[in-house]
Amino acid sequence: MYCTEDLAQSETSTGDVYFVPAFSGLYAPYWETDARGIIVGLTNYTNKAHLCRATLEAVCFQSREVCHKLSSYIIARLAEPIAGYAKFTL
């Protein structure tokens, strides 16, 4: 187990801290090179565990978006040949 995992698990939420990991642009699946990273929701009660958990959740959500985009693309590509065969008049 890594230190970051222990730290993130020490809090049950992000404490309303949100992190957008786009320090050199937002890449797949959005491809917004002008986007910039941001951390919002910091208060006097925010601690390093909140920041760690927000960072890990951001990476997970970003990975989920890529997987979702890939799966919908793959399903669409697989359906094309099937739909094409349905038009055969044999």
N, C-alpha and C. Protein backbone atom coordinates (compact mmCIF):
# COMPACT_ATOMS: atom_id res chain seq x y z
N MET A 1 0.84 -1.17 0.00
CA MET A 1 0.00 0.00 0.00
C MET A 1 0.90 1.25 0.00
N TYR A 2 0.56 2.20 -0.83
CA TYR A 2 1.35 3.42 -0.93
C TYR A 2 0.90 4.44 0.12
N CYS A 3 1.78 5.38 0.40
CA CYS A 3 1.46 6.45 1.36
C CYS A 3 0.24 7.24 0.93
N THR A 4 0.12 7.50 -0.38
CA THR A 4 -1.02 8.28 -0.86
C THR A 4 -2.33 7.54 -0.61
N GLU A 5 -2.31 6.23 -0.75
CA GLU A 5 -3.52 5.46 -0.52
C GLU A 5 -3.93 5.53 0.95
N ASP A 6 -2.96 5.38 1.84
CA ASP A 6 -3.25 5.49 3.27
C ASP A 6 -3.79 6.87 3.61
N LEU A 7 -3.17 7.88 3.05
CA LEU A 7 -3.58 9.25 3.31
C LEU A 7 -5.00 9.50 2.79
N ALA A 8 -5.28 9.07 1.57
CA ALA A 8 -6.60 9.28 0.97
C ALA A 8 -7.68 8.53 1.75
N GLN A 9 -7.35 7.35 2.25
CA GLN A 9 -8.33 6.56 3.00
C GLN A 9 -8.57 7.10 4.41
N SER A 10 -7.73 8.01 4.86
CA SER A 10 -7.92 8.56 6.20
C SER A 10 -9.08 9.55 6.25
N GLU A 11 -9.58 9.97 5.09
CA GLU A 11 -10.76 10.83 5.00
C GLU A 11 -11.85 10.09 4.24
N THR A 12 -13.11 10.34 4.59
CA THR A 12 -14.21 9.66 3.91
C THR A 12 -14.71 10.41 2.68
N SER A 13 -14.23 11.65 2.49
CA SER A 13 -14.64 12.44 1.33
C SER A 13 -13.51 13.40 0.96
N THR A 14 -13.75 14.14 -0.08
CA THR A 14 -12.77 15.14 -0.50
C THR A 14 -12.93 16.45 0.27
N GLY A 15 -13.95 16.54 1.11
CA GLY A 15 -14.21 17.78 1.83
C GLY A 15 -14.62 18.90 0.90
N ASP A 16 -15.31 18.53 -0.19
CA ASP A 16 -15.74 19.48 -1.23
C ASP A 16 -14.57 20.15 -1.95
N VAL A 17 -13.42 19.48 -1.96
CA VAL A 17 -12.27 19.95 -2.73
C VAL A 17 -12.31 19.21 -4.06
N TYR A 18 -12.14 19.95 -5.16
CA TYR A 18 -12.14 19.36 -6.49
C TYR A 18 -10.86 19.74 -7.21
N PHE A 19 -10.32 18.78 -7.93
CA PHE A 19 -9.06 18.97 -8.62
C PHE A 19 -9.26 18.61 -10.09
N VAL A 20 -8.82 19.48 -10.97
CA VAL A 20 -8.86 19.21 -12.41
C VAL A 20 -7.41 19.11 -12.88
N PRO A 21 -6.94 17.90 -13.20
CA PRO A 21 -5.54 17.70 -13.58
C PRO A 21 -5.30 18.05 -15.06
N ALA A 22 -5.23 19.32 -15.34
CA ALA A 22 -5.04 19.76 -16.73
C ALA A 22 -3.94 20.82 -16.79
N PHE A 23 -2.80 20.54 -16.21
CA PHE A 23 -1.75 21.55 -16.10
C PHE A 23 -1.09 21.89 -17.43
N SER A 24 -1.18 21.00 -18.39
CA SER A 24 -0.66 21.32 -19.74
C SER A 24 -1.73 21.02 -20.78
N GLY A 25 -2.98 21.20 -20.40
CA GLY A 25 -4.11 20.96 -21.29
C GLY A 25 -4.90 19.75 -20.82
N LEU A 26 -6.09 19.64 -21.33
CA LEU A 26 -6.96 18.51 -21.00
C LEU A 26 -6.99 17.61 -22.22
N TYR A 27 -6.42 16.46 -22.10
CA TYR A 27 -6.29 15.58 -23.25
C TYR A 27 -7.46 14.60 -23.33
N ALA A 28 -7.21 13.37 -23.74
CA ALA A 28 -8.27 12.42 -24.01
C ALA A 28 -9.29 12.38 -22.87
N PRO A 29 -10.54 12.34 -23.15
CA PRO A 29 -11.19 12.34 -24.47
C PRO A 29 -11.62 13.72 -24.94
N TYR A 30 -11.18 14.79 -24.30
CA TYR A 30 -11.69 16.12 -24.62
C TYR A 30 -10.82 16.90 -25.61
N TRP A 31 -9.50 16.74 -25.53
CA TRP A 31 -8.56 17.41 -26.43
C TRP A 31 -8.70 18.92 -26.40
N GLU A 32 -8.68 19.49 -25.22
CA GLU A 32 -8.71 20.94 -25.02
C GLU A 32 -7.33 21.38 -24.55
N THR A 33 -6.47 21.75 -25.48
CA THR A 33 -5.09 22.08 -25.11
C THR A 33 -4.99 23.40 -24.36
N ASP A 34 -6.02 24.23 -24.41
CA ASP A 34 -6.00 25.50 -23.70
C ASP A 34 -6.51 25.39 -22.26
N ALA A 35 -7.05 24.24 -21.89
CA ALA A 35 -7.57 24.05 -20.54
C ALA A 35 -6.43 24.11 -19.53
N ARG A 36 -6.73 24.55 -18.33
CA ARG A 36 -5.74 24.64 -17.28
C ARG A 36 -6.24 23.94 -16.03
N GLY A 37 -5.30 23.39 -15.28
CA GLY A 37 -5.63 22.70 -14.05
C GLY A 37 -6.08 23.66 -12.97
N ILE A 38 -6.87 23.13 -12.04
CA ILE A 38 -7.39 23.99 -10.97
C ILE A 38 -7.71 23.12 -9.75
N ILE A 39 -7.56 23.72 -8.60
CA ILE A 39 -7.99 23.11 -7.34
C ILE A 39 -8.97 24.10 -6.71
N VAL A 40 -10.19 23.66 -6.45
CA VAL A 40 -11.21 24.54 -5.87
C VAL A 40 -11.80 23.91 -4.62
N GLY A 41 -12.40 24.75 -3.80
CA GLY A 41 -13.08 24.28 -2.59
C GLY A 41 -12.22 24.28 -1.35
N LEU A 42 -11.07 24.93 -1.40
CA LEU A 42 -10.19 24.97 -0.24
C LEU A 42 -10.78 25.85 0.86
N THR A 43 -10.74 25.36 2.09
CA THR A 43 -11.20 26.12 3.25
C THR A 43 -10.16 25.99 4.36
N ASN A 44 -10.45 26.59 5.50
CA ASN A 44 -9.57 26.45 6.66
C ASN A 44 -9.51 25.01 7.17
N TYR A 45 -10.53 24.22 6.83
CA TYR A 45 -10.60 22.85 7.32
C TYR A 45 -10.02 21.83 6.35
N THR A 46 -9.62 22.27 5.18
CA THR A 46 -9.03 21.37 4.20
C THR A 46 -7.66 20.91 4.69
N ASN A 47 -7.44 19.61 4.60
CA ASN A 47 -6.13 19.09 4.98
C ASN A 47 -5.51 18.31 3.82
N LYS A 48 -4.31 17.82 4.00
CA LYS A 48 -3.62 17.14 2.91
C LYS A 48 -4.32 15.85 2.49
N ALA A 49 -5.06 15.24 3.39
CA ALA A 49 -5.81 14.03 3.02
C ALA A 49 -6.93 14.38 2.04
N HIS A 50 -7.59 15.52 2.23
CA HIS A 50 -8.63 15.97 1.29
C HIS A 50 -8.02 16.20 -0.08
N LEU A 51 -6.87 16.87 -0.12
CA LEU A 51 -6.21 17.14 -1.40
C LEU A 51 -5.77 15.85 -2.08
N CYS A 52 -5.23 14.94 -1.31
CA CYS A 52 -4.80 13.66 -1.85
C CYS A 52 -5.98 12.88 -2.42
N ARG A 53 -7.06 12.82 -1.67
CA ARG A 53 -8.25 12.10 -2.13
C ARG A 53 -8.86 12.76 -3.36
N ALA A 54 -8.90 14.09 -3.39
CA ALA A 54 -9.43 14.80 -4.55
C ALA A 54 -8.58 14.52 -5.79
N THR A 55 -7.28 14.47 -5.61
CA THR A 55 -6.38 14.19 -6.73
C THR A 55 -6.59 12.77 -7.25
N LEU A 56 -6.66 11.80 -6.37
CA LEU A 56 -6.87 10.42 -6.79
C LEU A 56 -8.24 10.25 -7.47
N GLU A 57 -9.26 10.89 -6.92
CA GLU A 57 -10.58 10.80 -7.54
C GLU A 57 -10.59 11.45 -8.92
N ALA A 58 -9.87 12.56 -9.07
CA ALA A 58 -9.81 13.23 -10.37
C ALA A 58 -9.18 12.32 -11.42
N VAL A 59 -8.12 11.64 -11.05
CA VAL A 59 -7.45 10.72 -11.98
C VAL A 59 -8.39 9.56 -12.33
N CYS A 60 -9.13 9.07 -11.34
CA CYS A 60 -10.08 7.98 -11.59
C CYS A 60 -11.21 8.43 -12.51
N PHE A 61 -11.76 9.61 -12.26
CA PHE A 61 -12.83 10.11 -13.12
C PHE A 61 -12.34 10.35 -14.55
N GLN A 62 -11.12 10.84 -14.68
CA GLN A 62 -10.56 11.07 -16.01
C GLN A 62 -10.37 9.74 -16.74
N SER A 63 -9.88 8.73 -16.04
CA SER A 63 -9.71 7.40 -16.64
C SER A 63 -11.06 6.82 -17.03
N ARG A 64 -12.07 7.02 -16.18
CA ARG A 64 -13.42 6.53 -16.47
C ARG A 64 -13.97 7.16 -17.75
N GLU A 65 -13.73 8.47 -17.92
CA GLU A 65 -14.19 9.16 -19.13
C GLU A 65 -13.54 8.58 -20.38
N VAL A 66 -12.26 8.28 -20.31
CA VAL A 66 -11.56 7.70 -21.45
C VAL A 66 -12.13 6.32 -21.76
N CYS A 67 -12.32 5.50 -20.74
CA CYS A 67 -12.89 4.16 -20.94
C CYS A 67 -14.29 4.23 -21.51
N HIS A 68 -15.11 5.15 -21.02
CA HIS A 68 -16.47 5.30 -21.52
C HIS A 68 -16.45 5.70 -22.99
N LYS A 69 -15.60 6.64 -23.34
CA LYS A 69 -15.50 7.10 -24.72
C LYS A 69 -15.03 5.96 -25.62
N LEU A 70 -14.04 5.20 -25.16
CA LEU A 70 -13.54 4.07 -25.95
C LEU A 70 -14.61 3.01 -26.14
N SER A 71 -15.33 2.69 -25.08
CA SER A 71 -16.34 1.64 -25.19
C SER A 71 -17.46 2.05 -26.15
N SER A 72 -17.89 3.31 -26.10
CA SER A 72 -18.95 3.73 -27.02
C SER A 72 -18.43 3.76 -28.46
N TYR A 73 -17.16 4.10 -28.65
CA TYR A 73 -16.57 4.09 -29.99
C TYR A 73 -16.47 2.66 -30.52
N ILE A 74 -16.03 1.75 -29.68
CA ILE A 74 -15.87 0.35 -30.10
C ILE A 74 -17.23 -0.26 -30.43
N ILE A 75 -18.24 -0.01 -29.61
CA ILE A 75 -19.58 -0.53 -29.87
C ILE A 75 -20.11 0.00 -31.20
N ALA A 76 -19.90 1.29 -31.45
CA ALA A 76 -20.35 1.89 -32.71
C ALA A 76 -19.63 1.26 -33.90
N ARG A 77 -18.34 1.02 -33.76
CA ARG A 77 -17.56 0.44 -34.86
C ARG A 77 -17.95 -1.02 -35.10
N LEU A 78 -18.29 -1.74 -34.05
CA LEU A 78 -18.70 -3.14 -34.21
C LEU A 78 -20.09 -3.24 -34.83
N ALA A 79 -20.94 -2.28 -34.55
CA ALA A 79 -22.31 -2.31 -35.06
C ALA A 79 -22.37 -1.97 -36.55
N GLU A 80 -21.40 -1.24 -37.08
CA GLU A 80 -21.43 -0.85 -38.49
C GLU A 80 -21.48 -2.05 -39.44
N PRO A 81 -20.57 -3.02 -39.30
CA PRO A 81 -20.64 -4.16 -40.23
C PRO A 81 -21.93 -4.97 -40.08
N ILE A 82 -22.42 -5.10 -38.88
CA ILE A 82 -23.66 -5.86 -38.65
C ILE A 82 -24.82 -5.16 -39.34
N ALA A 83 -24.89 -3.85 -39.20
CA ALA A 83 -25.96 -3.09 -39.85
C ALA A 83 -25.83 -3.18 -41.36
N GLY A 84 -24.60 -3.22 -41.85
CA GLY A 84 -24.37 -3.33 -43.29
C GLY A 84 -24.85 -4.67 -43.83
N TYR A 85 -24.61 -5.75 -43.09
CA TYR A 85 -25.06 -7.08 -43.53
C TYR A 85 -26.57 -7.19 -43.51
N ALA A 86 -27.20 -6.46 -42.67
CA ALA A 86 -28.67 -6.51 -42.59
C ALA A 86 -29.31 -5.97 -43.87
N LYS A 87 -28.54 -5.21 -44.65
CA LYS A 87 -29.09 -4.64 -45.87
C LYS A 87 -28.93 -5.58 -47.08
N PHE A 88 -28.21 -6.69 -46.89
CA PHE A 88 -28.03 -7.62 -48.01
C PHE A 88 -29.38 -8.17 -48.46
N THR A 89 -29.51 -8.43 -49.74
CA THR A 89 -30.77 -8.96 -50.29
C THR A 89 -30.63 -10.40 -50.74
N LEU A 90 -29.67 -11.12 -50.23
CA LEU A 90 -29.46 -12.52 -50.64
C LEU A 90 -30.59 -13.43 -50.26
